[in-house]
Each structure stands twice: as C-alpha cells, then as structure tokens.
N, C-alpha and C. Protein backbone atom coordinates (compact mmCIF):
# COMPACT_ATOMS: atom_id res chain seq x y z
N UNK A 1 57.95 -113.75 -93.50
CA UNK A 1 57.47 -114.97 -94.19
C UNK A 1 58.45 -116.11 -93.92
N UNK A 2 57.92 -117.29 -93.77
CA UNK A 2 58.73 -118.48 -93.57
C UNK A 2 59.25 -118.94 -94.93
N UNK A 3 60.42 -118.46 -95.32
CA UNK A 3 61.00 -118.81 -96.63
C UNK A 3 61.27 -120.31 -96.77
N UNK A 4 61.70 -120.95 -95.71
CA UNK A 4 61.99 -122.40 -95.78
C UNK A 4 60.73 -123.18 -96.05
N UNK A 5 59.61 -122.79 -95.46
CA UNK A 5 58.34 -123.48 -95.74
C UNK A 5 57.92 -123.21 -97.19
N UNK A 6 58.06 -121.97 -97.65
CA UNK A 6 57.75 -121.67 -99.05
C UNK A 6 58.58 -122.53 -100.01
N UNK A 7 59.88 -122.60 -99.75
CA UNK A 7 60.77 -123.44 -100.60
C UNK A 7 60.34 -124.89 -100.56
N UNK A 8 59.99 -125.38 -99.39
CA UNK A 8 59.58 -126.77 -99.24
C UNK A 8 58.29 -127.03 -100.02
N UNK A 9 57.38 -126.10 -99.98
CA UNK A 9 56.11 -126.29 -100.72
C UNK A 9 56.33 -126.34 -102.20
N UNK A 10 57.12 -125.44 -102.77
CA UNK A 10 57.34 -125.42 -104.20
C UNK A 10 58.31 -126.50 -104.67
N UNK A 11 59.18 -126.95 -103.76
CA UNK A 11 60.06 -128.06 -104.11
C UNK A 11 59.26 -129.33 -104.38
N UNK A 12 58.21 -129.52 -103.62
CA UNK A 12 57.38 -130.71 -103.75
C UNK A 12 56.33 -130.60 -104.85
N UNK A 13 55.96 -129.32 -105.18
CA UNK A 13 54.97 -129.11 -106.27
C UNK A 13 55.13 -127.70 -106.79
N UNK A 14 55.93 -127.54 -107.82
CA UNK A 14 56.21 -126.24 -108.40
C UNK A 14 55.00 -125.62 -109.12
N UNK A 15 53.95 -126.42 -109.27
CA UNK A 15 52.74 -125.91 -109.97
C UNK A 15 51.74 -125.30 -109.03
N UNK A 16 52.07 -125.20 -107.74
CA UNK A 16 51.14 -124.55 -106.81
C UNK A 16 50.93 -123.11 -107.20
N UNK A 17 49.68 -122.68 -107.20
CA UNK A 17 49.37 -121.27 -107.53
C UNK A 17 49.79 -120.37 -106.37
N UNK A 18 50.05 -119.12 -106.69
CA UNK A 18 50.43 -118.14 -105.69
C UNK A 18 49.30 -118.01 -104.65
N UNK A 19 48.08 -118.08 -105.09
CA UNK A 19 46.97 -118.01 -104.14
C UNK A 19 47.00 -119.15 -103.13
N UNK A 20 47.33 -120.35 -103.59
CA UNK A 20 47.42 -121.51 -102.69
C UNK A 20 48.62 -121.35 -101.74
N UNK A 21 49.73 -120.85 -102.27
CA UNK A 21 50.91 -120.64 -101.42
C UNK A 21 50.61 -119.61 -100.37
N UNK A 22 49.95 -118.51 -100.76
CA UNK A 22 49.63 -117.47 -99.80
C UNK A 22 48.73 -118.00 -98.71
N UNK A 23 47.75 -118.82 -99.05
CA UNK A 23 46.86 -119.38 -98.06
C UNK A 23 47.61 -120.32 -97.11
N UNK A 24 48.50 -121.15 -97.66
CA UNK A 24 49.25 -122.10 -96.83
C UNK A 24 50.23 -121.37 -95.90
N UNK A 25 50.72 -120.22 -96.35
CA UNK A 25 51.69 -119.49 -95.53
C UNK A 25 51.05 -118.39 -94.70
N UNK A 26 49.77 -118.21 -94.90
CA UNK A 26 49.03 -117.14 -94.23
C UNK A 26 49.69 -115.75 -94.52
N UNK A 27 49.93 -115.55 -95.81
CA UNK A 27 50.54 -114.30 -96.29
C UNK A 27 49.76 -113.75 -97.45
N UNK A 28 50.04 -112.52 -97.83
CA UNK A 28 49.35 -111.96 -99.00
C UNK A 28 49.99 -112.52 -100.29
N UNK A 29 49.21 -112.51 -101.37
CA UNK A 29 49.75 -112.97 -102.65
C UNK A 29 50.93 -112.13 -103.11
N UNK A 30 50.82 -110.80 -102.88
CA UNK A 30 51.88 -109.89 -103.27
C UNK A 30 53.17 -110.20 -102.53
N UNK A 31 53.05 -110.51 -101.25
CA UNK A 31 54.23 -110.83 -100.44
C UNK A 31 54.86 -112.13 -100.93
N UNK A 32 54.06 -113.12 -101.28
CA UNK A 32 54.58 -114.38 -101.79
C UNK A 32 55.28 -114.18 -103.12
N UNK A 33 54.68 -113.38 -104.02
CA UNK A 33 55.28 -113.10 -105.30
C UNK A 33 56.62 -112.37 -105.15
N UNK A 34 56.65 -111.38 -104.25
CA UNK A 34 57.90 -110.63 -103.99
C UNK A 34 58.99 -111.54 -103.44
N UNK A 35 58.59 -112.44 -102.53
CA UNK A 35 59.58 -113.36 -101.95
C UNK A 35 60.12 -114.34 -102.96
N UNK A 36 59.21 -114.85 -103.82
CA UNK A 36 59.67 -115.76 -104.89
C UNK A 36 60.64 -115.04 -105.83
N UNK A 37 60.34 -113.84 -106.21
CA UNK A 37 61.20 -113.05 -107.08
C UNK A 37 62.56 -112.82 -106.42
N UNK A 38 62.53 -112.45 -105.14
CA UNK A 38 63.81 -112.24 -104.39
C UNK A 38 64.64 -113.53 -104.36
N UNK A 39 63.99 -114.66 -104.11
CA UNK A 39 64.72 -115.96 -104.04
C UNK A 39 65.24 -116.35 -105.42
N UNK A 40 64.51 -116.01 -106.50
CA UNK A 40 65.00 -116.29 -107.84
C UNK A 40 66.20 -115.41 -108.15
N UNK A 41 66.11 -114.13 -107.80
CA UNK A 41 67.24 -113.19 -108.05
C UNK A 41 68.50 -113.59 -107.31
N UNK A 42 68.35 -114.17 -106.12
CA UNK A 42 69.53 -114.59 -105.32
C UNK A 42 70.00 -116.00 -105.69
N UNK A 43 69.38 -116.60 -106.71
CA UNK A 43 69.70 -117.95 -107.15
C UNK A 43 69.49 -118.99 -106.06
N UNK A 44 68.57 -118.73 -105.15
CA UNK A 44 68.15 -119.78 -104.20
C UNK A 44 67.20 -120.69 -104.96
N UNK A 45 66.27 -120.10 -105.70
CA UNK A 45 65.41 -120.86 -106.61
C UNK A 45 66.10 -120.78 -107.97
N UNK A 46 66.56 -121.93 -108.49
CA UNK A 46 67.33 -121.94 -109.72
C UNK A 46 66.55 -122.44 -110.94
N UNK A 47 65.32 -122.81 -110.74
CA UNK A 47 64.51 -123.27 -111.88
C UNK A 47 63.33 -124.06 -111.37
N UNK A 48 62.39 -124.28 -112.31
CA UNK A 48 61.21 -125.09 -112.02
C UNK A 48 61.22 -126.22 -113.04
N UNK A 49 61.22 -127.46 -112.58
CA UNK A 49 61.44 -128.61 -113.46
C UNK A 49 60.30 -129.59 -113.36
N UNK A 50 60.14 -130.36 -114.44
CA UNK A 50 59.17 -131.42 -114.52
C UNK A 50 59.93 -132.76 -114.49
N UNK A 51 59.52 -133.68 -113.69
CA UNK A 51 60.09 -134.99 -113.60
C UNK A 51 59.41 -135.93 -114.58
N UNK A 52 60.15 -136.47 -115.55
CA UNK A 52 59.58 -137.28 -116.60
C UNK A 52 60.16 -138.70 -116.53
N UNK A 53 59.28 -139.67 -116.68
CA UNK A 53 59.67 -141.05 -116.75
C UNK A 53 59.87 -141.38 -118.23
N UNK A 54 61.09 -141.19 -118.76
CA UNK A 54 61.36 -141.40 -120.20
C UNK A 54 61.11 -142.84 -120.63
N UNK A 55 61.17 -143.78 -119.71
CA UNK A 55 60.91 -145.17 -120.07
C UNK A 55 59.48 -145.38 -120.57
N UNK A 56 58.57 -144.51 -120.21
CA UNK A 56 57.18 -144.63 -120.62
C UNK A 56 56.90 -143.90 -121.91
N UNK A 57 57.90 -143.33 -122.51
CA UNK A 57 57.73 -142.60 -123.77
C UNK A 57 58.40 -143.37 -124.90
N UNK A 58 58.06 -143.06 -126.09
CA UNK A 58 58.70 -143.71 -127.23
C UNK A 58 59.83 -142.81 -127.71
N UNK A 59 60.77 -142.51 -126.80
CA UNK A 59 61.86 -141.60 -127.07
C UNK A 59 63.19 -142.25 -126.72
N UNK A 60 64.17 -142.09 -127.57
CA UNK A 60 65.52 -142.53 -127.26
C UNK A 60 66.07 -141.61 -126.19
N UNK A 61 66.43 -142.17 -125.07
CA UNK A 61 66.94 -141.35 -123.96
C UNK A 61 67.86 -142.22 -123.11
N UNK A 62 69.11 -141.81 -123.01
CA UNK A 62 70.10 -142.59 -122.24
C UNK A 62 70.68 -141.68 -121.18
N UNK A 63 70.83 -142.22 -119.97
CA UNK A 63 71.47 -141.53 -118.89
C UNK A 63 72.70 -142.32 -118.46
N UNK A 64 73.81 -141.63 -118.28
CA UNK A 64 75.02 -142.29 -117.83
C UNK A 64 75.64 -141.51 -116.69
N UNK A 65 76.22 -142.22 -115.74
CA UNK A 65 76.95 -141.61 -114.64
C UNK A 65 78.44 -141.76 -114.98
N UNK A 66 79.14 -140.68 -114.99
CA UNK A 66 80.57 -140.71 -115.33
C UNK A 66 81.39 -140.37 -114.10
N UNK A 67 82.18 -141.34 -113.67
CA UNK A 67 83.11 -141.09 -112.56
C UNK A 67 84.36 -140.48 -113.20
N UNK A 68 84.82 -139.36 -112.67
CA UNK A 68 85.95 -138.66 -113.27
C UNK A 68 87.00 -138.45 -112.20
N UNK A 69 88.22 -138.91 -112.51
CA UNK A 69 89.36 -138.54 -111.68
C UNK A 69 90.09 -137.37 -112.33
N UNK A 70 90.53 -136.45 -111.52
CA UNK A 70 91.10 -135.21 -112.04
C UNK A 70 92.25 -134.78 -111.14
N UNK A 71 93.11 -133.94 -111.71
CA UNK A 71 94.25 -133.38 -111.00
C UNK A 71 93.89 -131.93 -110.63
N UNK A 72 94.00 -131.59 -109.32
CA UNK A 72 93.70 -130.22 -108.92
C UNK A 72 94.77 -129.26 -109.41
N UNK A 73 94.43 -128.00 -109.55
CA UNK A 73 95.35 -126.97 -109.99
C UNK A 73 95.70 -126.08 -108.81
N UNK A 74 96.90 -125.63 -108.78
CA UNK A 74 97.36 -124.71 -107.71
C UNK A 74 96.49 -123.47 -107.74
N UNK A 75 96.05 -123.01 -106.61
CA UNK A 75 95.22 -121.83 -106.40
C UNK A 75 93.79 -121.95 -106.88
N UNK A 76 93.46 -122.98 -107.66
CA UNK A 76 92.10 -123.15 -108.17
C UNK A 76 91.48 -124.44 -107.68
N UNK A 77 92.28 -125.36 -107.21
CA UNK A 77 91.73 -126.66 -106.79
C UNK A 77 91.10 -127.38 -107.96
N UNK A 78 89.86 -127.78 -107.78
CA UNK A 78 89.13 -128.49 -108.86
C UNK A 78 88.19 -127.57 -109.63
N UNK A 79 88.04 -126.33 -109.21
CA UNK A 79 87.01 -125.43 -109.78
C UNK A 79 87.20 -125.21 -111.29
N UNK A 80 88.39 -124.96 -111.77
CA UNK A 80 88.56 -124.69 -113.20
C UNK A 80 88.29 -125.90 -114.07
N UNK A 81 88.75 -127.07 -113.65
CA UNK A 81 88.47 -128.28 -114.44
C UNK A 81 86.98 -128.60 -114.36
N UNK A 82 86.37 -128.38 -113.21
CA UNK A 82 84.91 -128.59 -113.10
C UNK A 82 84.16 -127.70 -114.07
N UNK A 83 84.55 -126.46 -114.18
CA UNK A 83 83.86 -125.53 -115.07
C UNK A 83 84.00 -125.97 -116.51
N UNK A 84 85.17 -126.45 -116.92
CA UNK A 84 85.37 -126.95 -118.27
C UNK A 84 84.40 -128.11 -118.57
N UNK A 85 84.20 -128.95 -117.56
CA UNK A 85 83.35 -130.11 -117.73
C UNK A 85 81.84 -129.77 -117.74
N UNK A 86 81.40 -129.01 -116.73
CA UNK A 86 79.98 -128.76 -116.61
C UNK A 86 79.42 -127.81 -117.66
N UNK A 87 80.28 -127.15 -118.40
CA UNK A 87 79.79 -126.28 -119.46
C UNK A 87 79.36 -127.04 -120.73
N UNK A 88 79.71 -128.30 -120.83
CA UNK A 88 79.22 -129.11 -121.97
C UNK A 88 77.74 -129.28 -121.82
N UNK A 89 76.97 -129.12 -122.93
CA UNK A 89 75.51 -129.29 -122.86
C UNK A 89 75.08 -130.70 -122.51
N UNK A 90 75.91 -131.71 -122.74
CA UNK A 90 75.58 -133.09 -122.44
C UNK A 90 75.58 -133.33 -120.92
N UNK A 91 76.27 -132.48 -120.16
CA UNK A 91 76.36 -132.65 -118.69
C UNK A 91 75.10 -132.05 -118.06
N UNK A 92 74.29 -132.93 -117.49
CA UNK A 92 73.07 -132.50 -116.82
C UNK A 92 73.33 -132.08 -115.38
N UNK A 93 74.14 -132.87 -114.68
CA UNK A 93 74.38 -132.63 -113.26
C UNK A 93 75.83 -132.99 -112.99
N UNK A 94 76.48 -132.28 -112.05
CA UNK A 94 77.86 -132.57 -111.73
C UNK A 94 78.13 -132.30 -110.26
N UNK A 95 78.86 -133.20 -109.65
CA UNK A 95 79.20 -133.09 -108.22
C UNK A 95 80.70 -133.26 -107.99
N UNK A 96 81.26 -132.55 -107.03
CA UNK A 96 82.58 -132.79 -106.52
C UNK A 96 82.37 -133.67 -105.29
N UNK A 97 83.12 -134.79 -105.22
CA UNK A 97 82.90 -135.79 -104.17
C UNK A 97 84.18 -136.08 -103.40
N UNK A 98 83.99 -136.68 -102.27
CA UNK A 98 85.11 -137.28 -101.57
C UNK A 98 85.14 -138.75 -101.94
N UNK A 99 86.26 -139.40 -101.89
CA UNK A 99 86.28 -140.80 -102.23
C UNK A 99 87.34 -141.10 -103.29
N UNK A 100 87.10 -142.19 -104.06
CA UNK A 100 88.12 -142.66 -105.01
C UNK A 100 88.12 -141.90 -106.32
N UNK A 101 87.15 -141.04 -106.57
CA UNK A 101 87.18 -140.18 -107.77
C UNK A 101 86.68 -138.82 -107.35
N UNK A 102 87.05 -137.80 -108.13
CA UNK A 102 86.76 -136.44 -107.73
C UNK A 102 85.35 -135.96 -108.13
N UNK A 103 84.94 -136.32 -109.35
CA UNK A 103 83.65 -135.82 -109.82
C UNK A 103 82.74 -136.96 -110.23
N UNK A 104 81.45 -136.68 -110.17
CA UNK A 104 80.43 -137.52 -110.71
C UNK A 104 79.59 -136.65 -111.62
N UNK A 105 79.55 -136.98 -112.89
CA UNK A 105 78.77 -136.22 -113.86
C UNK A 105 77.64 -137.09 -114.38
N UNK A 106 76.43 -136.50 -114.48
CA UNK A 106 75.31 -137.19 -115.05
C UNK A 106 75.18 -136.66 -116.46
N UNK A 107 75.26 -137.58 -117.43
CA UNK A 107 75.25 -137.23 -118.86
C UNK A 107 73.96 -137.77 -119.46
N UNK A 108 73.33 -136.97 -120.34
CA UNK A 108 72.15 -137.42 -121.03
C UNK A 108 72.41 -137.36 -122.54
N UNK A 109 71.89 -138.35 -123.24
CA UNK A 109 72.03 -138.43 -124.68
C UNK A 109 70.92 -139.27 -125.27
N UNK A 110 70.95 -139.41 -126.59
CA UNK A 110 69.95 -140.23 -127.29
C UNK A 110 70.32 -141.70 -127.30
N UNK A 111 71.61 -141.99 -127.44
CA UNK A 111 72.08 -143.39 -127.51
C UNK A 111 73.30 -143.59 -126.66
N UNK A 112 73.59 -144.85 -126.39
CA UNK A 112 74.87 -145.15 -125.68
C UNK A 112 76.07 -144.74 -126.49
N UNK A 113 75.98 -144.90 -127.80
CA UNK A 113 77.10 -144.50 -128.69
C UNK A 113 77.32 -142.98 -128.59
N UNK A 114 76.27 -142.21 -128.52
CA UNK A 114 76.38 -140.76 -128.42
C UNK A 114 77.10 -140.38 -127.13
N UNK A 115 76.71 -141.00 -126.02
CA UNK A 115 77.35 -140.73 -124.72
C UNK A 115 78.81 -141.18 -124.75
N UNK A 116 79.05 -142.36 -125.31
CA UNK A 116 80.42 -142.87 -125.37
C UNK A 116 81.32 -141.95 -126.22
N UNK A 117 80.76 -141.41 -127.28
CA UNK A 117 81.50 -140.48 -128.15
C UNK A 117 81.84 -139.21 -127.38
N UNK A 118 80.89 -138.70 -126.62
CA UNK A 118 81.14 -137.51 -125.79
C UNK A 118 82.25 -137.76 -124.82
N UNK A 119 82.19 -138.89 -124.12
CA UNK A 119 83.22 -139.21 -123.11
C UNK A 119 84.57 -139.35 -123.78
N UNK A 120 84.64 -140.09 -124.88
CA UNK A 120 85.92 -140.33 -125.50
C UNK A 120 86.52 -139.17 -126.24
N UNK A 121 85.68 -138.37 -126.89
CA UNK A 121 86.23 -137.29 -127.72
C UNK A 121 86.29 -135.94 -127.04
N UNK A 122 85.47 -135.71 -126.02
CA UNK A 122 85.43 -134.40 -125.40
C UNK A 122 85.90 -134.40 -123.94
N UNK A 123 85.37 -135.36 -123.18
CA UNK A 123 85.61 -135.36 -121.75
C UNK A 123 86.97 -135.93 -121.36
N UNK A 124 87.28 -137.11 -121.80
CA UNK A 124 88.49 -137.83 -121.37
C UNK A 124 89.76 -137.09 -121.79
N UNK A 125 89.70 -136.34 -122.90
CA UNK A 125 90.91 -135.69 -123.40
C UNK A 125 91.11 -134.28 -122.83
N UNK A 126 90.24 -133.84 -121.94
CA UNK A 126 90.44 -132.53 -121.32
C UNK A 126 91.70 -132.51 -120.45
N UNK A 127 92.42 -131.42 -120.54
CA UNK A 127 93.58 -131.25 -119.67
C UNK A 127 93.10 -131.20 -118.20
N UNK A 128 93.73 -132.03 -117.36
CA UNK A 128 93.32 -132.11 -115.98
C UNK A 128 92.50 -133.35 -115.63
N UNK A 129 91.88 -133.96 -116.67
CA UNK A 129 91.15 -135.21 -116.45
C UNK A 129 92.12 -136.36 -116.53
N UNK A 130 92.21 -137.12 -115.44
CA UNK A 130 93.16 -138.25 -115.36
C UNK A 130 92.51 -139.56 -115.75
N UNK A 131 91.21 -139.67 -115.64
CA UNK A 131 90.54 -140.90 -116.01
C UNK A 131 89.03 -140.78 -115.86
N UNK A 132 88.33 -141.70 -116.55
CA UNK A 132 86.86 -141.73 -116.47
C UNK A 132 86.41 -143.19 -116.37
N UNK A 133 85.24 -143.35 -115.80
CA UNK A 133 84.54 -144.64 -115.83
C UNK A 133 83.07 -144.38 -116.07
N UNK A 134 82.52 -145.01 -117.06
CA UNK A 134 81.15 -144.76 -117.49
C UNK A 134 80.23 -145.87 -116.98
N UNK A 135 79.13 -145.45 -116.36
CA UNK A 135 78.12 -146.38 -115.88
C UNK A 135 76.78 -145.96 -116.53
N UNK A 136 76.22 -146.85 -117.32
CA UNK A 136 74.94 -146.53 -117.98
C UNK A 136 73.79 -146.94 -117.07
N UNK A 137 72.77 -146.08 -117.00
CA UNK A 137 71.58 -146.37 -116.25
C UNK A 137 70.73 -147.33 -117.10
N UNK A 138 70.46 -148.52 -116.57
CA UNK A 138 69.67 -149.48 -117.31
C UNK A 138 68.18 -149.36 -117.02
N UNK A 139 67.88 -149.05 -115.73
CA UNK A 139 66.48 -148.87 -115.36
C UNK A 139 66.44 -147.91 -114.20
N UNK A 140 65.48 -147.02 -114.22
CA UNK A 140 65.30 -146.04 -113.17
C UNK A 140 64.14 -146.48 -112.27
N UNK A 141 64.41 -146.67 -111.03
CA UNK A 141 63.36 -147.10 -110.07
C UNK A 141 62.75 -145.92 -109.29
N UNK A 142 63.61 -144.96 -108.94
CA UNK A 142 63.14 -143.86 -108.12
C UNK A 142 64.02 -142.65 -108.38
N UNK A 143 63.39 -141.47 -108.46
CA UNK A 143 64.17 -140.23 -108.67
C UNK A 143 63.44 -139.12 -107.95
N UNK A 144 64.19 -138.33 -107.23
CA UNK A 144 63.66 -137.18 -106.49
C UNK A 144 62.46 -137.57 -105.63
N UNK A 145 62.51 -138.77 -105.05
CA UNK A 145 61.47 -139.24 -104.13
C UNK A 145 60.26 -139.85 -104.81
N UNK A 146 60.26 -139.89 -106.15
CA UNK A 146 59.15 -140.47 -106.89
C UNK A 146 59.52 -141.85 -107.43
N UNK A 147 58.70 -142.84 -107.12
CA UNK A 147 58.93 -144.21 -107.60
C UNK A 147 58.45 -144.36 -109.04
N UNK A 148 59.29 -144.92 -109.88
CA UNK A 148 58.98 -145.14 -111.28
C UNK A 148 58.61 -146.61 -111.56
N UNK A 149 58.96 -147.49 -110.64
CA UNK A 149 58.71 -148.90 -110.82
C UNK A 149 57.21 -149.15 -110.90
N UNK A 150 56.72 -149.64 -112.03
CA UNK A 150 55.26 -149.84 -112.19
C UNK A 150 54.82 -151.24 -111.87
N UNK A 151 55.72 -152.01 -111.25
CA UNK A 151 55.34 -153.37 -110.88
C UNK A 151 54.50 -153.29 -109.63
N UNK A 152 53.24 -153.58 -109.79
CA UNK A 152 52.27 -153.42 -108.67
C UNK A 152 52.17 -154.64 -107.79
N UNK A 153 52.95 -155.68 -108.09
CA UNK A 153 52.91 -156.89 -107.29
C UNK A 153 53.41 -156.63 -105.87
N UNK A 154 52.78 -157.30 -104.93
CA UNK A 154 53.25 -157.18 -103.55
C UNK A 154 54.58 -157.90 -103.44
N UNK A 155 55.56 -157.26 -102.82
CA UNK A 155 56.88 -157.87 -102.64
C UNK A 155 56.83 -159.16 -101.83
N UNK A 156 55.82 -159.28 -100.99
CA UNK A 156 55.73 -160.52 -100.13
C UNK A 156 54.94 -161.63 -100.81
N UNK A 157 54.45 -161.38 -102.01
CA UNK A 157 53.68 -162.39 -102.73
C UNK A 157 54.59 -163.55 -103.08
N UNK A 158 54.16 -164.77 -102.74
CA UNK A 158 54.90 -166.00 -103.00
C UNK A 158 54.21 -166.88 -104.00
N UNK A 159 55.01 -167.63 -104.69
CA UNK A 159 54.41 -168.62 -105.60
C UNK A 159 53.93 -169.83 -104.79
N UNK A 160 52.86 -170.43 -105.23
CA UNK A 160 52.41 -171.65 -104.58
C UNK A 160 53.35 -172.79 -104.83
N UNK A 161 53.60 -173.53 -103.81
CA UNK A 161 54.45 -174.72 -103.91
C UNK A 161 53.53 -175.94 -103.89
N UNK A 162 53.68 -176.74 -104.92
CA UNK A 162 52.86 -177.95 -104.97
C UNK A 162 53.76 -179.16 -105.01
N UNK A 163 53.32 -180.29 -104.41
CA UNK A 163 54.17 -181.48 -104.39
C UNK A 163 54.17 -182.18 -105.73
C-alpha cells in the first residue's frame, strides 16, 4: 500500500471513510484499516483534528506566539527545558528553531490577561529560560492551507476617481 498517499489523503480530509480510502488506493478496506492502525501505533498518525475559525464564534479565544530564549544543558541540549515547557496545558504547539531565539511556543487561552499570567508566572520563571517575547495574534488569515479571510472583494477592485 502507498502509505504516503494514504497519509496525504487523510491529512487533507480526516473524515474520509475507509471505503473511500480503499477505493482511492485500490486496496481492501481491511488493509486500509490495518495500515491506519499500524501508523497510529507508530505515532506517524498522531491525531485527527478539526480546524475551527474561532473568530466566527461567540467564544473568548486568544492565541499568542511566545519567542523563548533558553540556555542549553550539558548532555541534554534543549530537550529537558523543552519538555518542561511543552507539558503545560496552555502550550498548543512548540518548535525548536535556528535564529535569534531557541523556541517558538503557540499558547492558547481565553483572554490576553490569562496568557500574560501564564507567561509571567509559569514560563518566564522556569530554570533555563533566559527570556521571552509575546506576540498576540490579532487576526488569522490562513491556517493549514485554509483561508479564513471572509473579505470577498477583489483585490484589484479600485475606487472610482472623480474630478
């Protein structure tokens, strides 16, 4: 079975039925189910998620990007400090980067104050964290290849100029 094609199909639409996947891959449903289970067991498939535009709901939802500078530890590098950080439930996503800071963490909360409290009272005071910079997401235009901008106007549309 072409596992890469299977992964690509479910990455773009996790709601595809096994029967549809089997037809697209020209495989049996049992084979597709076994392959999915194997990929889940090996943590190749780590979850099935729904992409939500929270701006269209009546829900308090704040996303912040936290740039984190940290000091590596002998024999562990950045792994132990990263584990301390990503285990917080407020941390949605975390990356080790090259550049002027070591980590980028995506934090989610109900309010800016809640996120600021997390950064100030839990994150910034961790041993190994040398500094943080918080960037609040003001508007989300595109995520995971999906455009959220509902402005249907043509970008080339111009206003009439009158003398």
